[in-house]
C-alpha cells in the first residue's frame, strides 16, 4: 500500500467520505511535506509547493463570480508516530465568489507529532468562504496543533469557520485567529472540542467589526474530563454604526478538569451592540435525571448530554 492509499484509509477511518476519485470534487492530500494528490475544478486554482523540510505552501484562489458547486476536500496529516507538518496557507476568494472547504486532519498513530498551520485569508467584496475543519488524533495524546489565521473580510463578504475534535485525544491545541470585517460583512467562528486525560486546549479568537452593519459570532463549546484544561479567549470589537455581534462560550467539566472563559466585548460606537454569554459547570442536573429515568446510568447520561452540546 502506497502513502496515498494509507492516507486516504486513515481519512476514511476518521469518518471521511470516499470522494477523492470524483472528478467534480476538487481536493488536496498532504502527508507531512509530501503532496500525494491534487485536483482543481473550473473557477478554482489550488497550488501546493514544498518550500523546506516539513513545510508546504498552499495557495487557494476562487475566481471572481464563481460559485464552486461541491465542497473542496483537503486531507492533511502525519501517519508515523513522530513527525512535523507545517502548512503556510494563502486563501483568496475574489468578488462574489463562493466556496466551501472541508479539511480533515488525521494523526492516527501520533506519539510525538507537531502540526502547524499559518493562514492568511482574504475575502473580497461579496465573497463567501466556509471552512470546516475536522481533527482525528488517535488515542495517545501525542499531537500538538498550533494554528494562526489572519483574516480580512471586505464589504458584503462572509466567513464561516468550524473546528471540531470530538473523538480521540486532543493532546495540545493552541489557536490564534484574528479577523477584520468591513461594512455589511459577516464572520462566524465556531469551535467544538472534547478533551480528556491531560489534554490542553487554548483558543483565542478575535474579530473586529470595522464597518457599518458588520456582524460577528464567536461560539465555543468545550467538554472536559479527567485532568484536561482549557482556556477560551473570545474578543469581539465593534466600532461602527449598526455593527452587531455575540460571544458565546460554554464549557462542561467533570472530574478534576479545569476550564477558563475570557469573553471580551469592546463597543466603540453608540449605535453598535455586542452581547456575550459564558457558562462553565457540570452537566445539567435536570437533563441528567431525565435520561437516567429512561434507563441510562449517570456516565451514559452525561455522555449523551455532552454529545448534544458538541453537536449543536
C-alpha atoms as a PDB file:
ATOM      1  CA  UNK A   1       0.000   0.000   0.000  1.00  0.00           C
ATOM      2  CA  UNK A   2       1.451   3.380  -1.028  1.00  0.00           C
ATOM      3  CA  UNK A   3       1.422   6.617   1.001  1.00  0.00           C
ATOM      4  CA  UNK A   4      -1.641   7.969  -0.812  1.00  0.00           C
ATOM      5  CA  UNK A   5      -3.670   4.841  -0.083  1.00  0.00           C
ATOM      6  CA  UNK A   6      -2.609   4.834   3.573  1.00  0.00           C
ATOM      7  CA  UNK A   7      -3.521   8.494   3.941  1.00  0.00           C
ATOM      8  CA  UNK A   8      -6.951   8.010   2.372  1.00  0.00           C
ATOM      9  CA  UNK A   9      -7.575   4.957   4.553  1.00  0.00           C
ATOM     10  CA  UNK A  10      -6.698   6.979   7.657  1.00  0.00           C
ATOM     11  CA  UNK A  11      -9.084   9.675   6.444  1.00  0.00           C
ATOM     12  CA  UNK A  12     -11.872   7.114   5.993  1.00  0.00           C
ATOM     13  CA  UNK A  13     -11.185   5.579   9.404  1.00  0.00           C
ATOM     14  CA  UNK A  14     -11.702   9.056  10.861  1.00  0.00           C
ATOM     15  CA  UNK A  15     -15.155   9.180   9.278  1.00  0.00           C
ATOM     16  CA  UNK A  16     -14.384  10.753   5.897  1.00  0.00           C
ATOM     17  CA  UNK A  17     -16.278  10.059   2.691  1.00  0.00           C
ATOM     18  CA  UNK A  18     -14.803   8.386  -0.379  1.00  0.00           C
ATOM     19  CA  UNK A  19     -14.755  11.443  -2.661  1.00  0.00           C
ATOM     20  CA  UNK A  20     -11.163  11.705  -3.871  1.00  0.00           C
ATOM     21  CA  UNK A  21     -11.816   9.822  -7.103  1.00  0.00           C
ATOM     22  CA  UNK A  22     -14.674  12.147  -8.122  1.00  0.00           C
ATOM     23  CA  UNK A  23     -13.555  14.394 -10.984  1.00  0.00           C
ATOM     24  CA  UNK A  24     -16.122  17.039  -9.988  1.00  0.00           C
ATOM     25  CA  UNK A  25     -14.670  17.410  -6.491  1.00  0.00           C
ATOM     26  CA  UNK A  26     -11.518  19.469  -6.005  1.00  0.00           C
ATOM     27  CA  UNK A  27      -9.084  18.074  -3.460  1.00  0.00           C
ATOM     28  CA  UNK A  28      -5.640  18.254  -1.916  1.00  0.00           C
ATOM     29  CA  UNK A  29      -3.912  15.471   0.055  1.00  0.00           C
ATOM     30  CA  UNK A  30      -0.764  16.158   2.115  1.00  0.00           C
ATOM     31  CA  UNK A  31       1.149  13.754   4.356  1.00  0.00           C
ATOM     32  CA  UNK A  32       3.812  15.758   6.194  1.00  0.00           C
ATOM     33  CA  UNK A  33       5.556  17.618   3.331  1.00  0.00           C
ATOM     34  CA  UNK A  34       4.561  15.096   0.665  1.00  0.00           C
ATOM     35  CA  UNK A  35       1.963  16.210  -1.878  1.00  0.00           C
ATOM     36  CA  UNK A  36       0.093  12.968  -2.540  1.00  0.00           C
ATOM     37  CA  UNK A  37      -2.817  14.244  -4.604  1.00  0.00           C
ATOM     38  CA  UNK A  38      -4.234  17.463  -6.004  1.00  0.00           C
ATOM     39  CA  UNK A  39      -7.151  18.287  -8.267  1.00  0.00           C
ATOM     40  CA  UNK A  40      -8.875  21.564  -9.158  1.00  0.00           C
ATOM     41  CA  UNK A  41     -12.125  22.441 -10.927  1.00  0.00           C
ATOM     42  CA  UNK A  42     -13.237  25.359 -13.098  1.00  0.00           C
ATOM     43  CA  UNK A  43     -13.083  28.642 -11.236  1.00  0.00           C
ATOM     44  CA  UNK A  44     -10.744  27.294  -8.575  1.00  0.00           C
ATOM     45  CA  UNK A  45      -6.954  27.258  -8.510  1.00  0.00           C
ATOM     46  CA  UNK A  46      -5.058  25.159  -5.982  1.00  0.00           C
ATOM     47  CA  UNK A  47      -1.272  25.173  -5.738  1.00  0.00           C
ATOM     48  CA  UNK A  48       0.959  23.287  -3.303  1.00  0.00           C
ATOM     49  CA  UNK A  49       4.743  23.501  -3.165  1.00  0.00           C
ATOM     50  CA  UNK A  50       7.271  22.117  -0.727  1.00  0.00           C
ATOM     51  CA  UNK A  51       9.383  25.099   0.352  1.00  0.00           C
ATOM     52  CA  UNK A  52      11.522  23.479   3.062  1.00  0.00           C
ATOM     53  CA  UNK A  53      11.737  20.317   5.110  1.00  0.00           C
ATOM     54  CA  UNK A  54       8.301  19.511   6.594  1.00  0.00           C
ATOM     55  CA  UNK A  55       6.808  22.758   5.162  1.00  0.00           C
ATOM     56  CA  UNK A  56       4.337  23.115   2.307  1.00  0.00           C
ATOM     57  CA  UNK A  57       2.983  26.373   0.902  1.00  0.00           C
ATOM     58  CA  UNK A  58      -0.636  26.120  -0.251  1.00  0.00           C
ATOM     59  CA  UNK A  59      -2.476  28.701  -2.352  1.00  0.00           C
ATOM     60  CA  UNK A  60      -6.221  28.613  -2.936  1.00  0.00           C
ATOM     61  CA  UNK A  61      -7.824  31.074  -5.357  1.00  0.00           C
ATOM     62  CA  UNK A  62     -11.531  31.248  -6.130  1.00  0.00           C
ATOM     63  CA  UNK A  63     -12.028  33.396  -9.203  1.00  0.00           C
ATOM     64  CA  UNK A  64     -14.469  36.293  -9.285  1.00  0.00           C
ATOM     65  CA  UNK A  65     -18.095  35.308  -9.741  1.00  0.00           C
ATOM     66  CA  UNK A  66     -17.561  31.538  -9.450  1.00  0.00           C
ATOM     67  CA  UNK A  67     -19.786  29.542  -7.119  1.00  0.00           C
ATOM     68  CA  UNK A  68     -17.931  26.260  -6.580  1.00  0.00           C
ATOM     69  CA  UNK A  69     -20.613  23.576  -6.694  1.00  0.00           C
ATOM     70  CA  UNK A  70     -19.107  20.854  -4.489  1.00  0.00           C
ATOM     71  CA  UNK A  71     -17.137  21.272  -1.270  1.00  0.00           C
ATOM     72  CA  UNK A  72     -13.379  21.266  -1.767  1.00  0.00           C
ATOM     73  CA  UNK A  73     -11.823  18.450   0.267  1.00  0.00           C
ATOM     74  CA  UNK A  74      -8.419  18.721   1.897  1.00  0.00           C
ATOM     75  CA  UNK A  75      -6.735  15.945   3.828  1.00  0.00           C
ATOM     76  CA  UNK A  76      -3.706  16.837   5.983  1.00  0.00           C
ATOM     77  CA  UNK A  77      -1.861  14.542   8.315  1.00  0.00           C
ATOM     78  CA  UNK A  78       1.105  12.658   9.688  1.00  0.00           C
ATOM     79  CA  UNK A  79       0.955   8.874   9.555  1.00  0.00           C
ATOM     80  CA  UNK A  80       4.037   7.803  11.590  1.00  0.00           C
ATOM     81  CA  UNK A  81       4.237   8.048  15.376  1.00  0.00           C
ATOM     82  CA  UNK A  82       6.561  11.029  15.130  1.00  0.00           C
ATOM     83  CA  UNK A  83       6.757  13.878  12.645  1.00  0.00           C
ATOM     84  CA  UNK A  84       6.149  17.510  11.863  1.00  0.00           C
ATOM     85  CA  UNK A  85       3.890  19.196   9.330  1.00  0.00           C
ATOM     86  CA  UNK A  86       3.825  22.921   8.676  1.00  0.00           C
ATOM     87  CA  UNK A  87       1.384  24.427   6.196  1.00  0.00           C
ATOM     88  CA  UNK A  88       1.583  28.034   5.065  1.00  0.00           C
ATOM     89  CA  UNK A  89      -1.818  28.674   3.508  1.00  0.00           C
ATOM     90  CA  UNK A  90      -2.982  31.642   1.490  1.00  0.00           C
ATOM     91  CA  UNK A  91      -6.661  31.829   0.537  1.00  0.00           C
ATOM     92  CA  UNK A  92      -8.174  34.427  -1.768  1.00  0.00           C
ATOM     93  CA  UNK A  93     -11.882  34.487  -2.536  1.00  0.00           C
ATOM     94  CA  UNK A  94     -12.481  37.083  -5.205  1.00  0.00           C
ATOM     95  CA  UNK A  95     -15.512  39.290  -5.742  1.00  0.00           C
ATOM     96  CA  UNK A  96     -18.878  37.484  -5.469  1.00  0.00           C
ATOM     97  CA  UNK A  97     -17.197  34.065  -5.437  1.00  0.00           C
ATOM     98  CA  UNK A  98     -18.231  31.270  -3.083  1.00  0.00           C
ATOM     99  CA  UNK A  99     -16.560  28.085  -1.856  1.00  0.00           C
ATOM    100  CA  UNK A 100     -16.841  25.588   0.969  1.00  0.00           C
ATOM    101  CA  UNK A 101     -13.716  23.754   2.121  1.00  0.00           C
ATOM    102  CA  UNK A 102     -13.813  20.593   4.220  1.00  0.00           C
ATOM    103  CA  UNK A 103     -10.434  19.880   5.820  1.00  0.00           C
ATOM    104  CA  UNK A 104      -9.742  16.610   7.629  1.00  0.00           C
ATOM    105  CA  UNK A 105      -6.567  16.452   9.706  1.00  0.00           C
ATOM    106  CA  UNK A 106      -5.614  12.900  10.692  1.00  0.00           C
ATOM    107  CA  UNK A 107      -2.868  11.782  13.057  1.00  0.00           C
ATOM    108  CA  UNK A 108      -3.971   8.237  13.945  1.00  0.00           C
ATOM    109  CA  UNK A 109      -0.674   6.931  15.363  1.00  0.00           C
ATOM    110  CA  UNK A 110       0.711  10.122  16.886  1.00  0.00           C
ATOM    111  CA  UNK A 111       3.042   9.880  19.857  1.00  0.00           C
ATOM    112  CA  UNK A 112       5.099  12.988  19.108  1.00  0.00           C
ATOM    113  CA  UNK A 113       3.602  14.934  16.218  1.00  0.00           C
ATOM    114  CA  UNK A 114       3.535  18.673  15.544  1.00  0.00           C
ATOM    115  CA  UNK A 115       1.030  20.234  13.134  1.00  0.00           C
ATOM    116  CA  UNK A 116       1.439  23.947  12.410  1.00  0.00           C
ATOM    117  CA  UNK A 117      -0.937  25.975  10.255  1.00  0.00           C
ATOM    118  CA  UNK A 118      -0.300  29.620   9.353  1.00  0.00           C
ATOM    119  CA  UNK A 119      -3.124  31.005   7.212  1.00  0.00           C
ATOM    120  CA  UNK A 120      -3.840  34.325   5.524  1.00  0.00           C
ATOM    121  CA  UNK A 121      -7.417  34.585   4.262  1.00  0.00           C
ATOM    122  CA  UNK A 122      -8.738  37.439   2.109  1.00  0.00           C
ATOM    123  CA  UNK A 123     -12.379  37.600   1.080  1.00  0.00           C
ATOM    124  CA  UNK A 124     -13.238  40.241  -1.487  1.00  0.00           C
ATOM    125  CA  UNK A 125     -16.496  42.203  -1.858  1.00  0.00           C
ATOM    126  CA  UNK A 126     -19.406  39.769  -1.773  1.00  0.00           C
ATOM    127  CA  UNK A 127     -17.182  36.711  -1.407  1.00  0.00           C
ATOM    128  CA  UNK A 128     -18.238  33.737   0.710  1.00  0.00           C
ATOM    129  CA  UNK A 129     -15.802  31.284   2.350  1.00  0.00           C
ATOM    130  CA  UNK A 130     -16.870  28.377   4.548  1.00  0.00           C
ATOM    131  CA  UNK A 131     -14.108  26.351   6.192  1.00  0.00           C
ATOM    132  CA  UNK A 132     -14.955  23.206   8.173  1.00  0.00           C
ATOM    133  CA  UNK A 133     -12.034  21.519   9.903  1.00  0.00           C
ATOM    134  CA  UNK A 134     -12.307  18.090  11.497  1.00  0.00           C
ATOM    135  CA  UNK A 135      -9.460  16.550  13.514  1.00  0.00           C
ATOM    136  CA  UNK A 136      -8.743  12.959  14.486  1.00  0.00           C
ATOM    137  CA  UNK A 137      -5.726  12.492  16.769  1.00  0.00           C
ATOM    138  CA  UNK A 138      -5.857   8.858  17.850  1.00  0.00           C
ATOM    139  CA  UNK A 139      -5.740   7.759  21.476  1.00  0.00           C
ATOM    140  CA  UNK A 140      -2.189   8.615  22.541  1.00  0.00           C
ATOM    141  CA  UNK A 141      -2.479  12.366  23.074  1.00  0.00           C
ATOM    142  CA  UNK A 142       0.756  12.927  21.199  1.00  0.00           C
ATOM    143  CA  UNK A 143      -0.341  15.741  18.866  1.00  0.00           C
ATOM    144  CA  UNK A 144       0.443  19.427  19.232  1.00  0.00           C
ATOM    145  CA  UNK A 145      -1.587  21.718  16.973  1.00  0.00           C
ATOM    146  CA  UNK A 146      -0.549  25.340  16.556  1.00  0.00           C
ATOM    147  CA  UNK A 147      -2.839  27.325  14.260  1.00  0.00           C
ATOM    148  CA  UNK A 148      -2.766  31.004  13.364  1.00  0.00           C
ATOM    149  CA  UNK A 149      -5.063  32.831  10.951  1.00  0.00           C
ATOM    150  CA  UNK A 150      -5.120  36.443   9.802  1.00  0.00           C
ATOM    151  CA  UNK A 151      -8.456  37.127   8.123  1.00  0.00           C
ATOM    152  CA  UNK A 152      -9.796  40.060   6.149  1.00  0.00           C
ATOM    153  CA  UNK A 153     -13.413  40.224   5.004  1.00  0.00           C
ATOM    154  CA  UNK A 154     -14.339  43.042   2.631  1.00  0.00           C
ATOM    155  CA  UNK A 155     -17.774  44.655   2.201  1.00  0.00           C
ATOM    156  CA  UNK A 156     -20.672  42.178   1.956  1.00  0.00           C
ATOM    157  CA  UNK A 157     -18.292  39.252   2.367  1.00  0.00           C
ATOM    158  CA  UNK A 158     -18.838  36.274   4.641  1.00  0.00           C
ATOM    159  CA  UNK A 159     -16.534  33.931   6.515  1.00  0.00           C
ATOM    160  CA  UNK A 160     -17.596  30.839   8.470  1.00  0.00           C
ATOM    161  CA  UNK A 161     -15.082  28.619  10.258  1.00  0.00           C
ATOM    162  CA  UNK A 162     -15.972  25.499  12.199  1.00  0.00           C
ATOM    163  CA  UNK A 163     -13.451  23.367  14.050  1.00  0.00           C
ATOM    164  CA  UNK A 164     -14.312  20.087  15.720  1.00  0.00           C
ATOM    165  CA  UNK A 165     -12.365  17.417  17.555  1.00  0.00           C
ATOM    166  CA  UNK A 166     -14.838  15.040  19.129  1.00  0.00           C
ATOM    167  CA  UNK A 167     -13.101  11.640  19.046  1.00  0.00           C
ATOM    168  CA  UNK A 168      -9.687  10.572  20.267  1.00  0.00           C
ATOM    169  CA  UNK A 169      -7.284  12.642  22.344  1.00  0.00           C
ATOM    170  CA  UNK A 170      -6.687  16.343  21.819  1.00  0.00           C
ATOM    171  CA  UNK A 171      -3.102  16.452  23.043  1.00  0.00           C
ATOM    172  CA  UNK A 172      -2.304  20.176  22.847  1.00  0.00           C
ATOM    173  CA  UNK A 173      -4.151  22.800  20.816  1.00  0.00           C
ATOM    174  CA  UNK A 174      -3.213  26.459  20.547  1.00  0.00           C
ATOM    175  CA  UNK A 175      -5.356  28.604  18.225  1.00  0.00           C
ATOM    176  CA  UNK A 176      -4.974  32.294  17.434  1.00  0.00           C
ATOM    177  CA  UNK A 177      -7.493  33.649  14.902  1.00  0.00           C
ATOM    178  CA  UNK A 178      -7.880  37.348  14.088  1.00  0.00           C
ATOM    179  CA  UNK A 179     -10.451  38.808  11.685  1.00  0.00           C
ATOM    180  CA  UNK A 180     -11.274  42.286  10.379  1.00  0.00           C
ATOM    181  CA  UNK A 181     -14.770  42.754   8.954  1.00  0.00           C
ATOM    182  CA  UNK A 182     -15.820  45.588   6.634  1.00  0.00           C
ATOM    183  CA  UNK A 183     -19.309  47.042   6.122  1.00  0.00           C
ATOM    184  CA  UNK A 184     -22.144  44.511   5.848  1.00  0.00           C
ATOM    185  CA  UNK A 185     -19.606  41.710   6.210  1.00  0.00           C
ATOM    186  CA  UNK A 186     -20.110  38.663   8.433  1.00  0.00           C
ATOM    187  CA  UNK A 187     -17.857  36.397  10.456  1.00  0.00           C
ATOM    188  CA  UNK A 188     -18.807  33.239  12.354  1.00  0.00           C
ATOM    189  CA  UNK A 189     -16.171  31.260  14.264  1.00  0.00           C
ATOM    190  CA  UNK A 190     -17.349  28.011  15.843  1.00  0.00           C
ATOM    191  CA  UNK A 191     -15.342  25.505  17.901  1.00  0.00           C
ATOM    192  CA  UNK A 192     -16.441  22.136  19.297  1.00  0.00           C
ATOM    193  CA  UNK A 193     -13.822  20.165  21.270  1.00  0.00           C
ATOM    194  CA  UNK A 194     -13.841  17.259  23.700  1.00  0.00           C
ATOM    195  CA  UNK A 195     -10.796  16.997  25.991  1.00  0.00           C
ATOM    196  CA  UNK A 196      -9.723  14.253  28.356  1.00  0.00           C
ATOM    197  CA  UNK A 197      -6.806  12.987  30.474  1.00  0.00           C
ATOM    198  CA  UNK A 198      -4.129  15.710  30.408  1.00  0.00           C
ATOM    199  CA  UNK A 199      -5.225  17.414  27.184  1.00  0.00           C
ATOM    200  CA  UNK A 200      -4.527  21.157  26.945  1.00  0.00           C
ATOM    201  CA  UNK A 201      -6.752  23.479  24.900  1.00  0.00           C
ATOM    202  CA  UNK A 202      -6.101  27.158  24.279  1.00  0.00           C
ATOM    203  CA  UNK A 203      -8.252  29.147  21.887  1.00  0.00           C
ATOM    204  CA  UNK A 204      -8.005  32.833  21.094  1.00  0.00           C
ATOM    205  CA  UNK A 205     -10.498  34.232  18.611  1.00  0.00           C
ATOM    206  CA  UNK A 206     -10.742  37.939  17.951  1.00  0.00           C
ATOM    207  CA  UNK A 207     -12.996  39.712  15.472  1.00  0.00           C
ATOM    208  CA  UNK A 208     -13.060  43.446  14.763  1.00  0.00           C
ATOM    209  CA  UNK A 209     -16.297  44.742  13.243  1.00  0.00           C
ATOM    210  CA  UNK A 210     -14.870  47.771  11.459  1.00  0.00           C
ATOM    211  CA  UNK A 211     -17.651  48.512   9.009  1.00  0.00           C
ATOM    212  CA  UNK A 212     -21.228  49.700   9.271  1.00  0.00           C
ATOM    213  CA  UNK A 213     -23.712  46.845   9.845  1.00  0.00           C
ATOM    214  CA  UNK A 214     -20.921  44.265  10.171  1.00  0.00           C
ATOM    215  CA  UNK A 215     -21.903  41.070  12.014  1.00  0.00           C
ATOM    216  CA  UNK A 216     -19.898  38.656  14.160  1.00  0.00           C
ATOM    217  CA  UNK A 217     -20.422  35.468  16.172  1.00  0.00           C
ATOM    218  CA  UNK A 218     -17.765  33.726  18.270  1.00  0.00           C
ATOM    219  CA  UNK A 219     -19.145  30.445  19.605  1.00  0.00           C
ATOM    220  CA  UNK A 220     -17.089  27.873  21.558  1.00  0.00           C
ATOM    221  CA  UNK A 221     -18.401  24.713  23.187  1.00  0.00           C
ATOM    222  CA  UNK A 222     -15.877  22.620  25.114  1.00  0.00           C
ATOM    223  CA  UNK A 223     -16.276  19.431  27.182  1.00  0.00           C
ATOM    224  CA  UNK A 224     -13.533  18.383  29.611  1.00  0.00           C
ATOM    225  CA  UNK A 225     -12.945  15.438  31.902  1.00  0.00           C
ATOM    226  CA  UNK A 226     -10.118  13.805  33.881  1.00  0.00           C
ATOM    227  CA  UNK A 227      -7.315  16.383  34.238  1.00  0.00           C
ATOM    228  CA  UNK A 228      -7.922  18.222  30.957  1.00  0.00           C
ATOM    229  CA  UNK A 229      -7.587  22.020  30.887  1.00  0.00           C
ATOM    230  CA  UNK A 230      -8.992  24.697  28.585  1.00  0.00           C
ATOM    231  CA  UNK A 231      -8.660  28.450  28.265  1.00  0.00           C
ATOM    232  CA  UNK A 232     -11.014  30.151  25.833  1.00  0.00           C
ATOM    233  CA  UNK A 233     -10.357  33.782  24.966  1.00  0.00           C
ATOM    234  CA  UNK A 234     -13.007  35.410  22.766  1.00  0.00           C
ATOM    235  CA  UNK A 235     -12.797  39.092  21.862  1.00  0.00           C
ATOM    236  CA  UNK A 236     -15.330  40.945  19.747  1.00  0.00           C
ATOM    237  CA  UNK A 237     -14.899  44.642  18.955  1.00  0.00           C
ATOM    238  CA  UNK A 238     -17.494  46.838  17.252  1.00  0.00           C
ATOM    239  CA  UNK A 239     -16.696  50.406  16.255  1.00  0.00           C
ATOM    240  CA  UNK A 240     -19.178  51.268  13.518  1.00  0.00           C
ATOM    241  CA  UNK A 241     -22.866  52.143  13.359  1.00  0.00           C
ATOM    242  CA  UNK A 242     -25.242  49.150  13.413  1.00  0.00           C
ATOM    243  CA  UNK A 243     -22.374  46.700  13.923  1.00  0.00           C
ATOM    244  CA  UNK A 244     -23.650  43.763  15.973  1.00  0.00           C
ATOM    245  CA  UNK A 245     -22.152  40.630  17.444  1.00  0.00           C
ATOM    246  CA  UNK A 246     -22.388  37.904  20.070  1.00  0.00           C
ATOM    247  CA  UNK A 247     -19.833  35.903  22.048  1.00  0.00           C
ATOM    248  CA  UNK A 248     -20.911  32.540  23.476  1.00  0.00           C
ATOM    249  CA  UNK A 249     -18.664  30.185  25.429  1.00  0.00           C
ATOM    250  CA  UNK A 250     -19.972  27.041  27.119  1.00  0.00           C
ATOM    251  CA  UNK A 251     -17.683  24.614  28.946  1.00  0.00           C
ATOM    252  CA  UNK A 252     -18.741  21.435  30.721  1.00  0.00           C
ATOM    253  CA  UNK A 253     -16.290  19.932  33.186  1.00  0.00           C
ATOM    254  CA  UNK A 254     -16.073  16.610  35.026  1.00  0.00           C
ATOM    255  CA  UNK A 255     -13.591  15.056  37.421  1.00  0.00           C
ATOM    256  CA  UNK A 256     -10.539  17.299  38.014  1.00  0.00           C
ATOM    257  CA  UNK A 257     -10.804  19.235  34.743  1.00  0.00           C
ATOM    258  CA  UNK A 258     -10.150  22.988  34.721  1.00  0.00           C
ATOM    259  CA  UNK A 259     -11.901  25.485  32.431  1.00  0.00           C
ATOM    260  CA  UNK A 260     -11.407  29.207  31.961  1.00  0.00           C
ATOM    261  CA  UNK A 261     -13.505  31.508  29.794  1.00  0.00           C
ATOM    262  CA  UNK A 262     -12.452  35.061  28.997  1.00  0.00           C
ATOM    263  CA  UNK A 263     -15.095  36.849  26.918  1.00  0.00           C
ATOM    264  CA  UNK A 264     -14.238  40.414  25.963  1.00  0.00           C
ATOM    265  CA  UNK A 265     -16.742  42.722  24.302  1.00  0.00           C
ATOM    266  CA  UNK A 266     -15.495  46.111  23.185  1.00  0.00           C
ATOM    267  CA  UNK A 267     -18.044  48.593  21.795  1.00  0.00           C
ATOM    268  CA  UNK A 268     -16.775  51.898  20.434  1.00  0.00           C
ATOM    269  CA  UNK A 269     -19.827  53.364  18.722  1.00  0.00           C
ATOM    270  CA  UNK A 270     -23.165  54.333  20.337  1.00  0.00           C
ATOM    271  CA  UNK A 271     -25.121  52.580  17.586  1.00  0.00           C
ATOM    272  CA  UNK A 272     -23.196  49.293  17.834  1.00  0.00           C
ATOM    273  CA  UNK A 273     -24.128  46.352  20.066  1.00  0.00           C
ATOM    274  CA  UNK A 274     -22.271  43.272  21.255  1.00  0.00           C
ATOM    275  CA  UNK A 275     -23.613  40.699  23.715  1.00  0.00           C
ATOM    276  CA  UNK A 276     -21.901  37.821  25.472  1.00  0.00           C
ATOM    277  CA  UNK A 277     -22.707  34.699  27.420  1.00  0.00           C
ATOM    278  CA  UNK A 278     -20.289  32.399  29.231  1.00  0.00           C
ATOM    279  CA  UNK A 279     -21.152  29.303  31.250  1.00  0.00           C
ATOM    280  CA  UNK A 280     -18.858  26.812  32.991  1.00  0.00           C
ATOM    281  CA  UNK A 281     -20.096  23.922  35.072  1.00  0.00           C
ATOM    282  CA  UNK A 282     -21.183  20.320  35.244  1.00  0.00           C
ATOM    283  CA  UNK A 283     -23.895  18.737  33.147  1.00  0.00           C
ATOM    284  CA  UNK A 284     -27.421  19.979  33.754  1.00  0.00           C
ATOM    285  CA  UNK A 285     -28.916  18.009  36.667  1.00  0.00           C
ATOM    286  CA  UNK A 286     -32.462  18.091  35.280  1.00  0.00           C
ATOM    287  CA  UNK A 287     -31.354  16.667  31.929  1.00  0.00           C
ATOM    288  CA  UNK A 288     -29.250  14.107  33.771  1.00  0.00           C
ATOM    289  CA  UNK A 289     -32.142  12.890  35.909  1.00  0.00           C
ATOM    290  CA  UNK A 290     -34.457  12.737  32.902  1.00  0.00           C
ATOM    291  CA  UNK A 291     -32.071  10.499  30.971  1.00  0.00           C
ATOM    292  CA  UNK A 292     -31.344   8.317  33.996  1.00  0.00           C
ATOM    293  CA  UNK A 293     -35.087   7.800  34.479  1.00  0.00           C
ATOM    294  CA  UNK A 294     -35.088   6.304  30.991  1.00  0.00           C
ATOM    295  CA  UNK A 295     -32.589   3.617  31.892  1.00  0.00           C
ATOM    296  CA  UNK A 296     -29.191   5.224  31.373  1.00  0.00           C
ATOM    297  CA  UNK A 297     -26.612   5.212  34.137  1.00  0.00           C
ATOM    298  CA  UNK A 298     -25.011   8.513  35.184  1.00  0.00           C
ATOM    299  CA  UNK A 299     -21.969   8.131  32.928  1.00  0.00           C
ATOM    300  CA  UNK A 300     -24.059   7.245  29.885  1.00  0.00           C
ATOM    301  CA  UNK A 301     -26.476  10.105  30.552  1.00  0.00           C
ATOM    302  CA  UNK A 302     -23.588  12.576  30.918  1.00  0.00           C
ATOM    303  CA  UNK A 303     -22.107  11.444  27.620  1.00  0.00           C
ATOM    304  CA  UNK A 304     -25.440  11.940  25.828  1.00  0.00           C
ATOM    305  CA  UNK A 305     -25.744  15.497  27.183  1.00  0.00           C
ATOM    306  CA  UNK A 306     -22.154  16.338  26.258  1.00  0.00           C
ATOM    307  CA  UNK A 307     -22.515  14.977  22.730  1.00  0.00           C
ATOM    308  CA  UNK A 308     -25.685  17.005  22.316  1.00  0.00           C
ATOM    309  CA  UNK A 309     -23.798  20.140  23.319  1.00  0.00           C
ATOM    310  CA  UNK A 310     -20.865  19.471  20.999  1.00  0.00           C
ATOM    311  CA  UNK A 311     -23.049  18.580  18.029  1.00  0.00           C
ATOM    312  CA  UNK A 312     -25.107  21.772  18.358  1.00  0.00           C
END
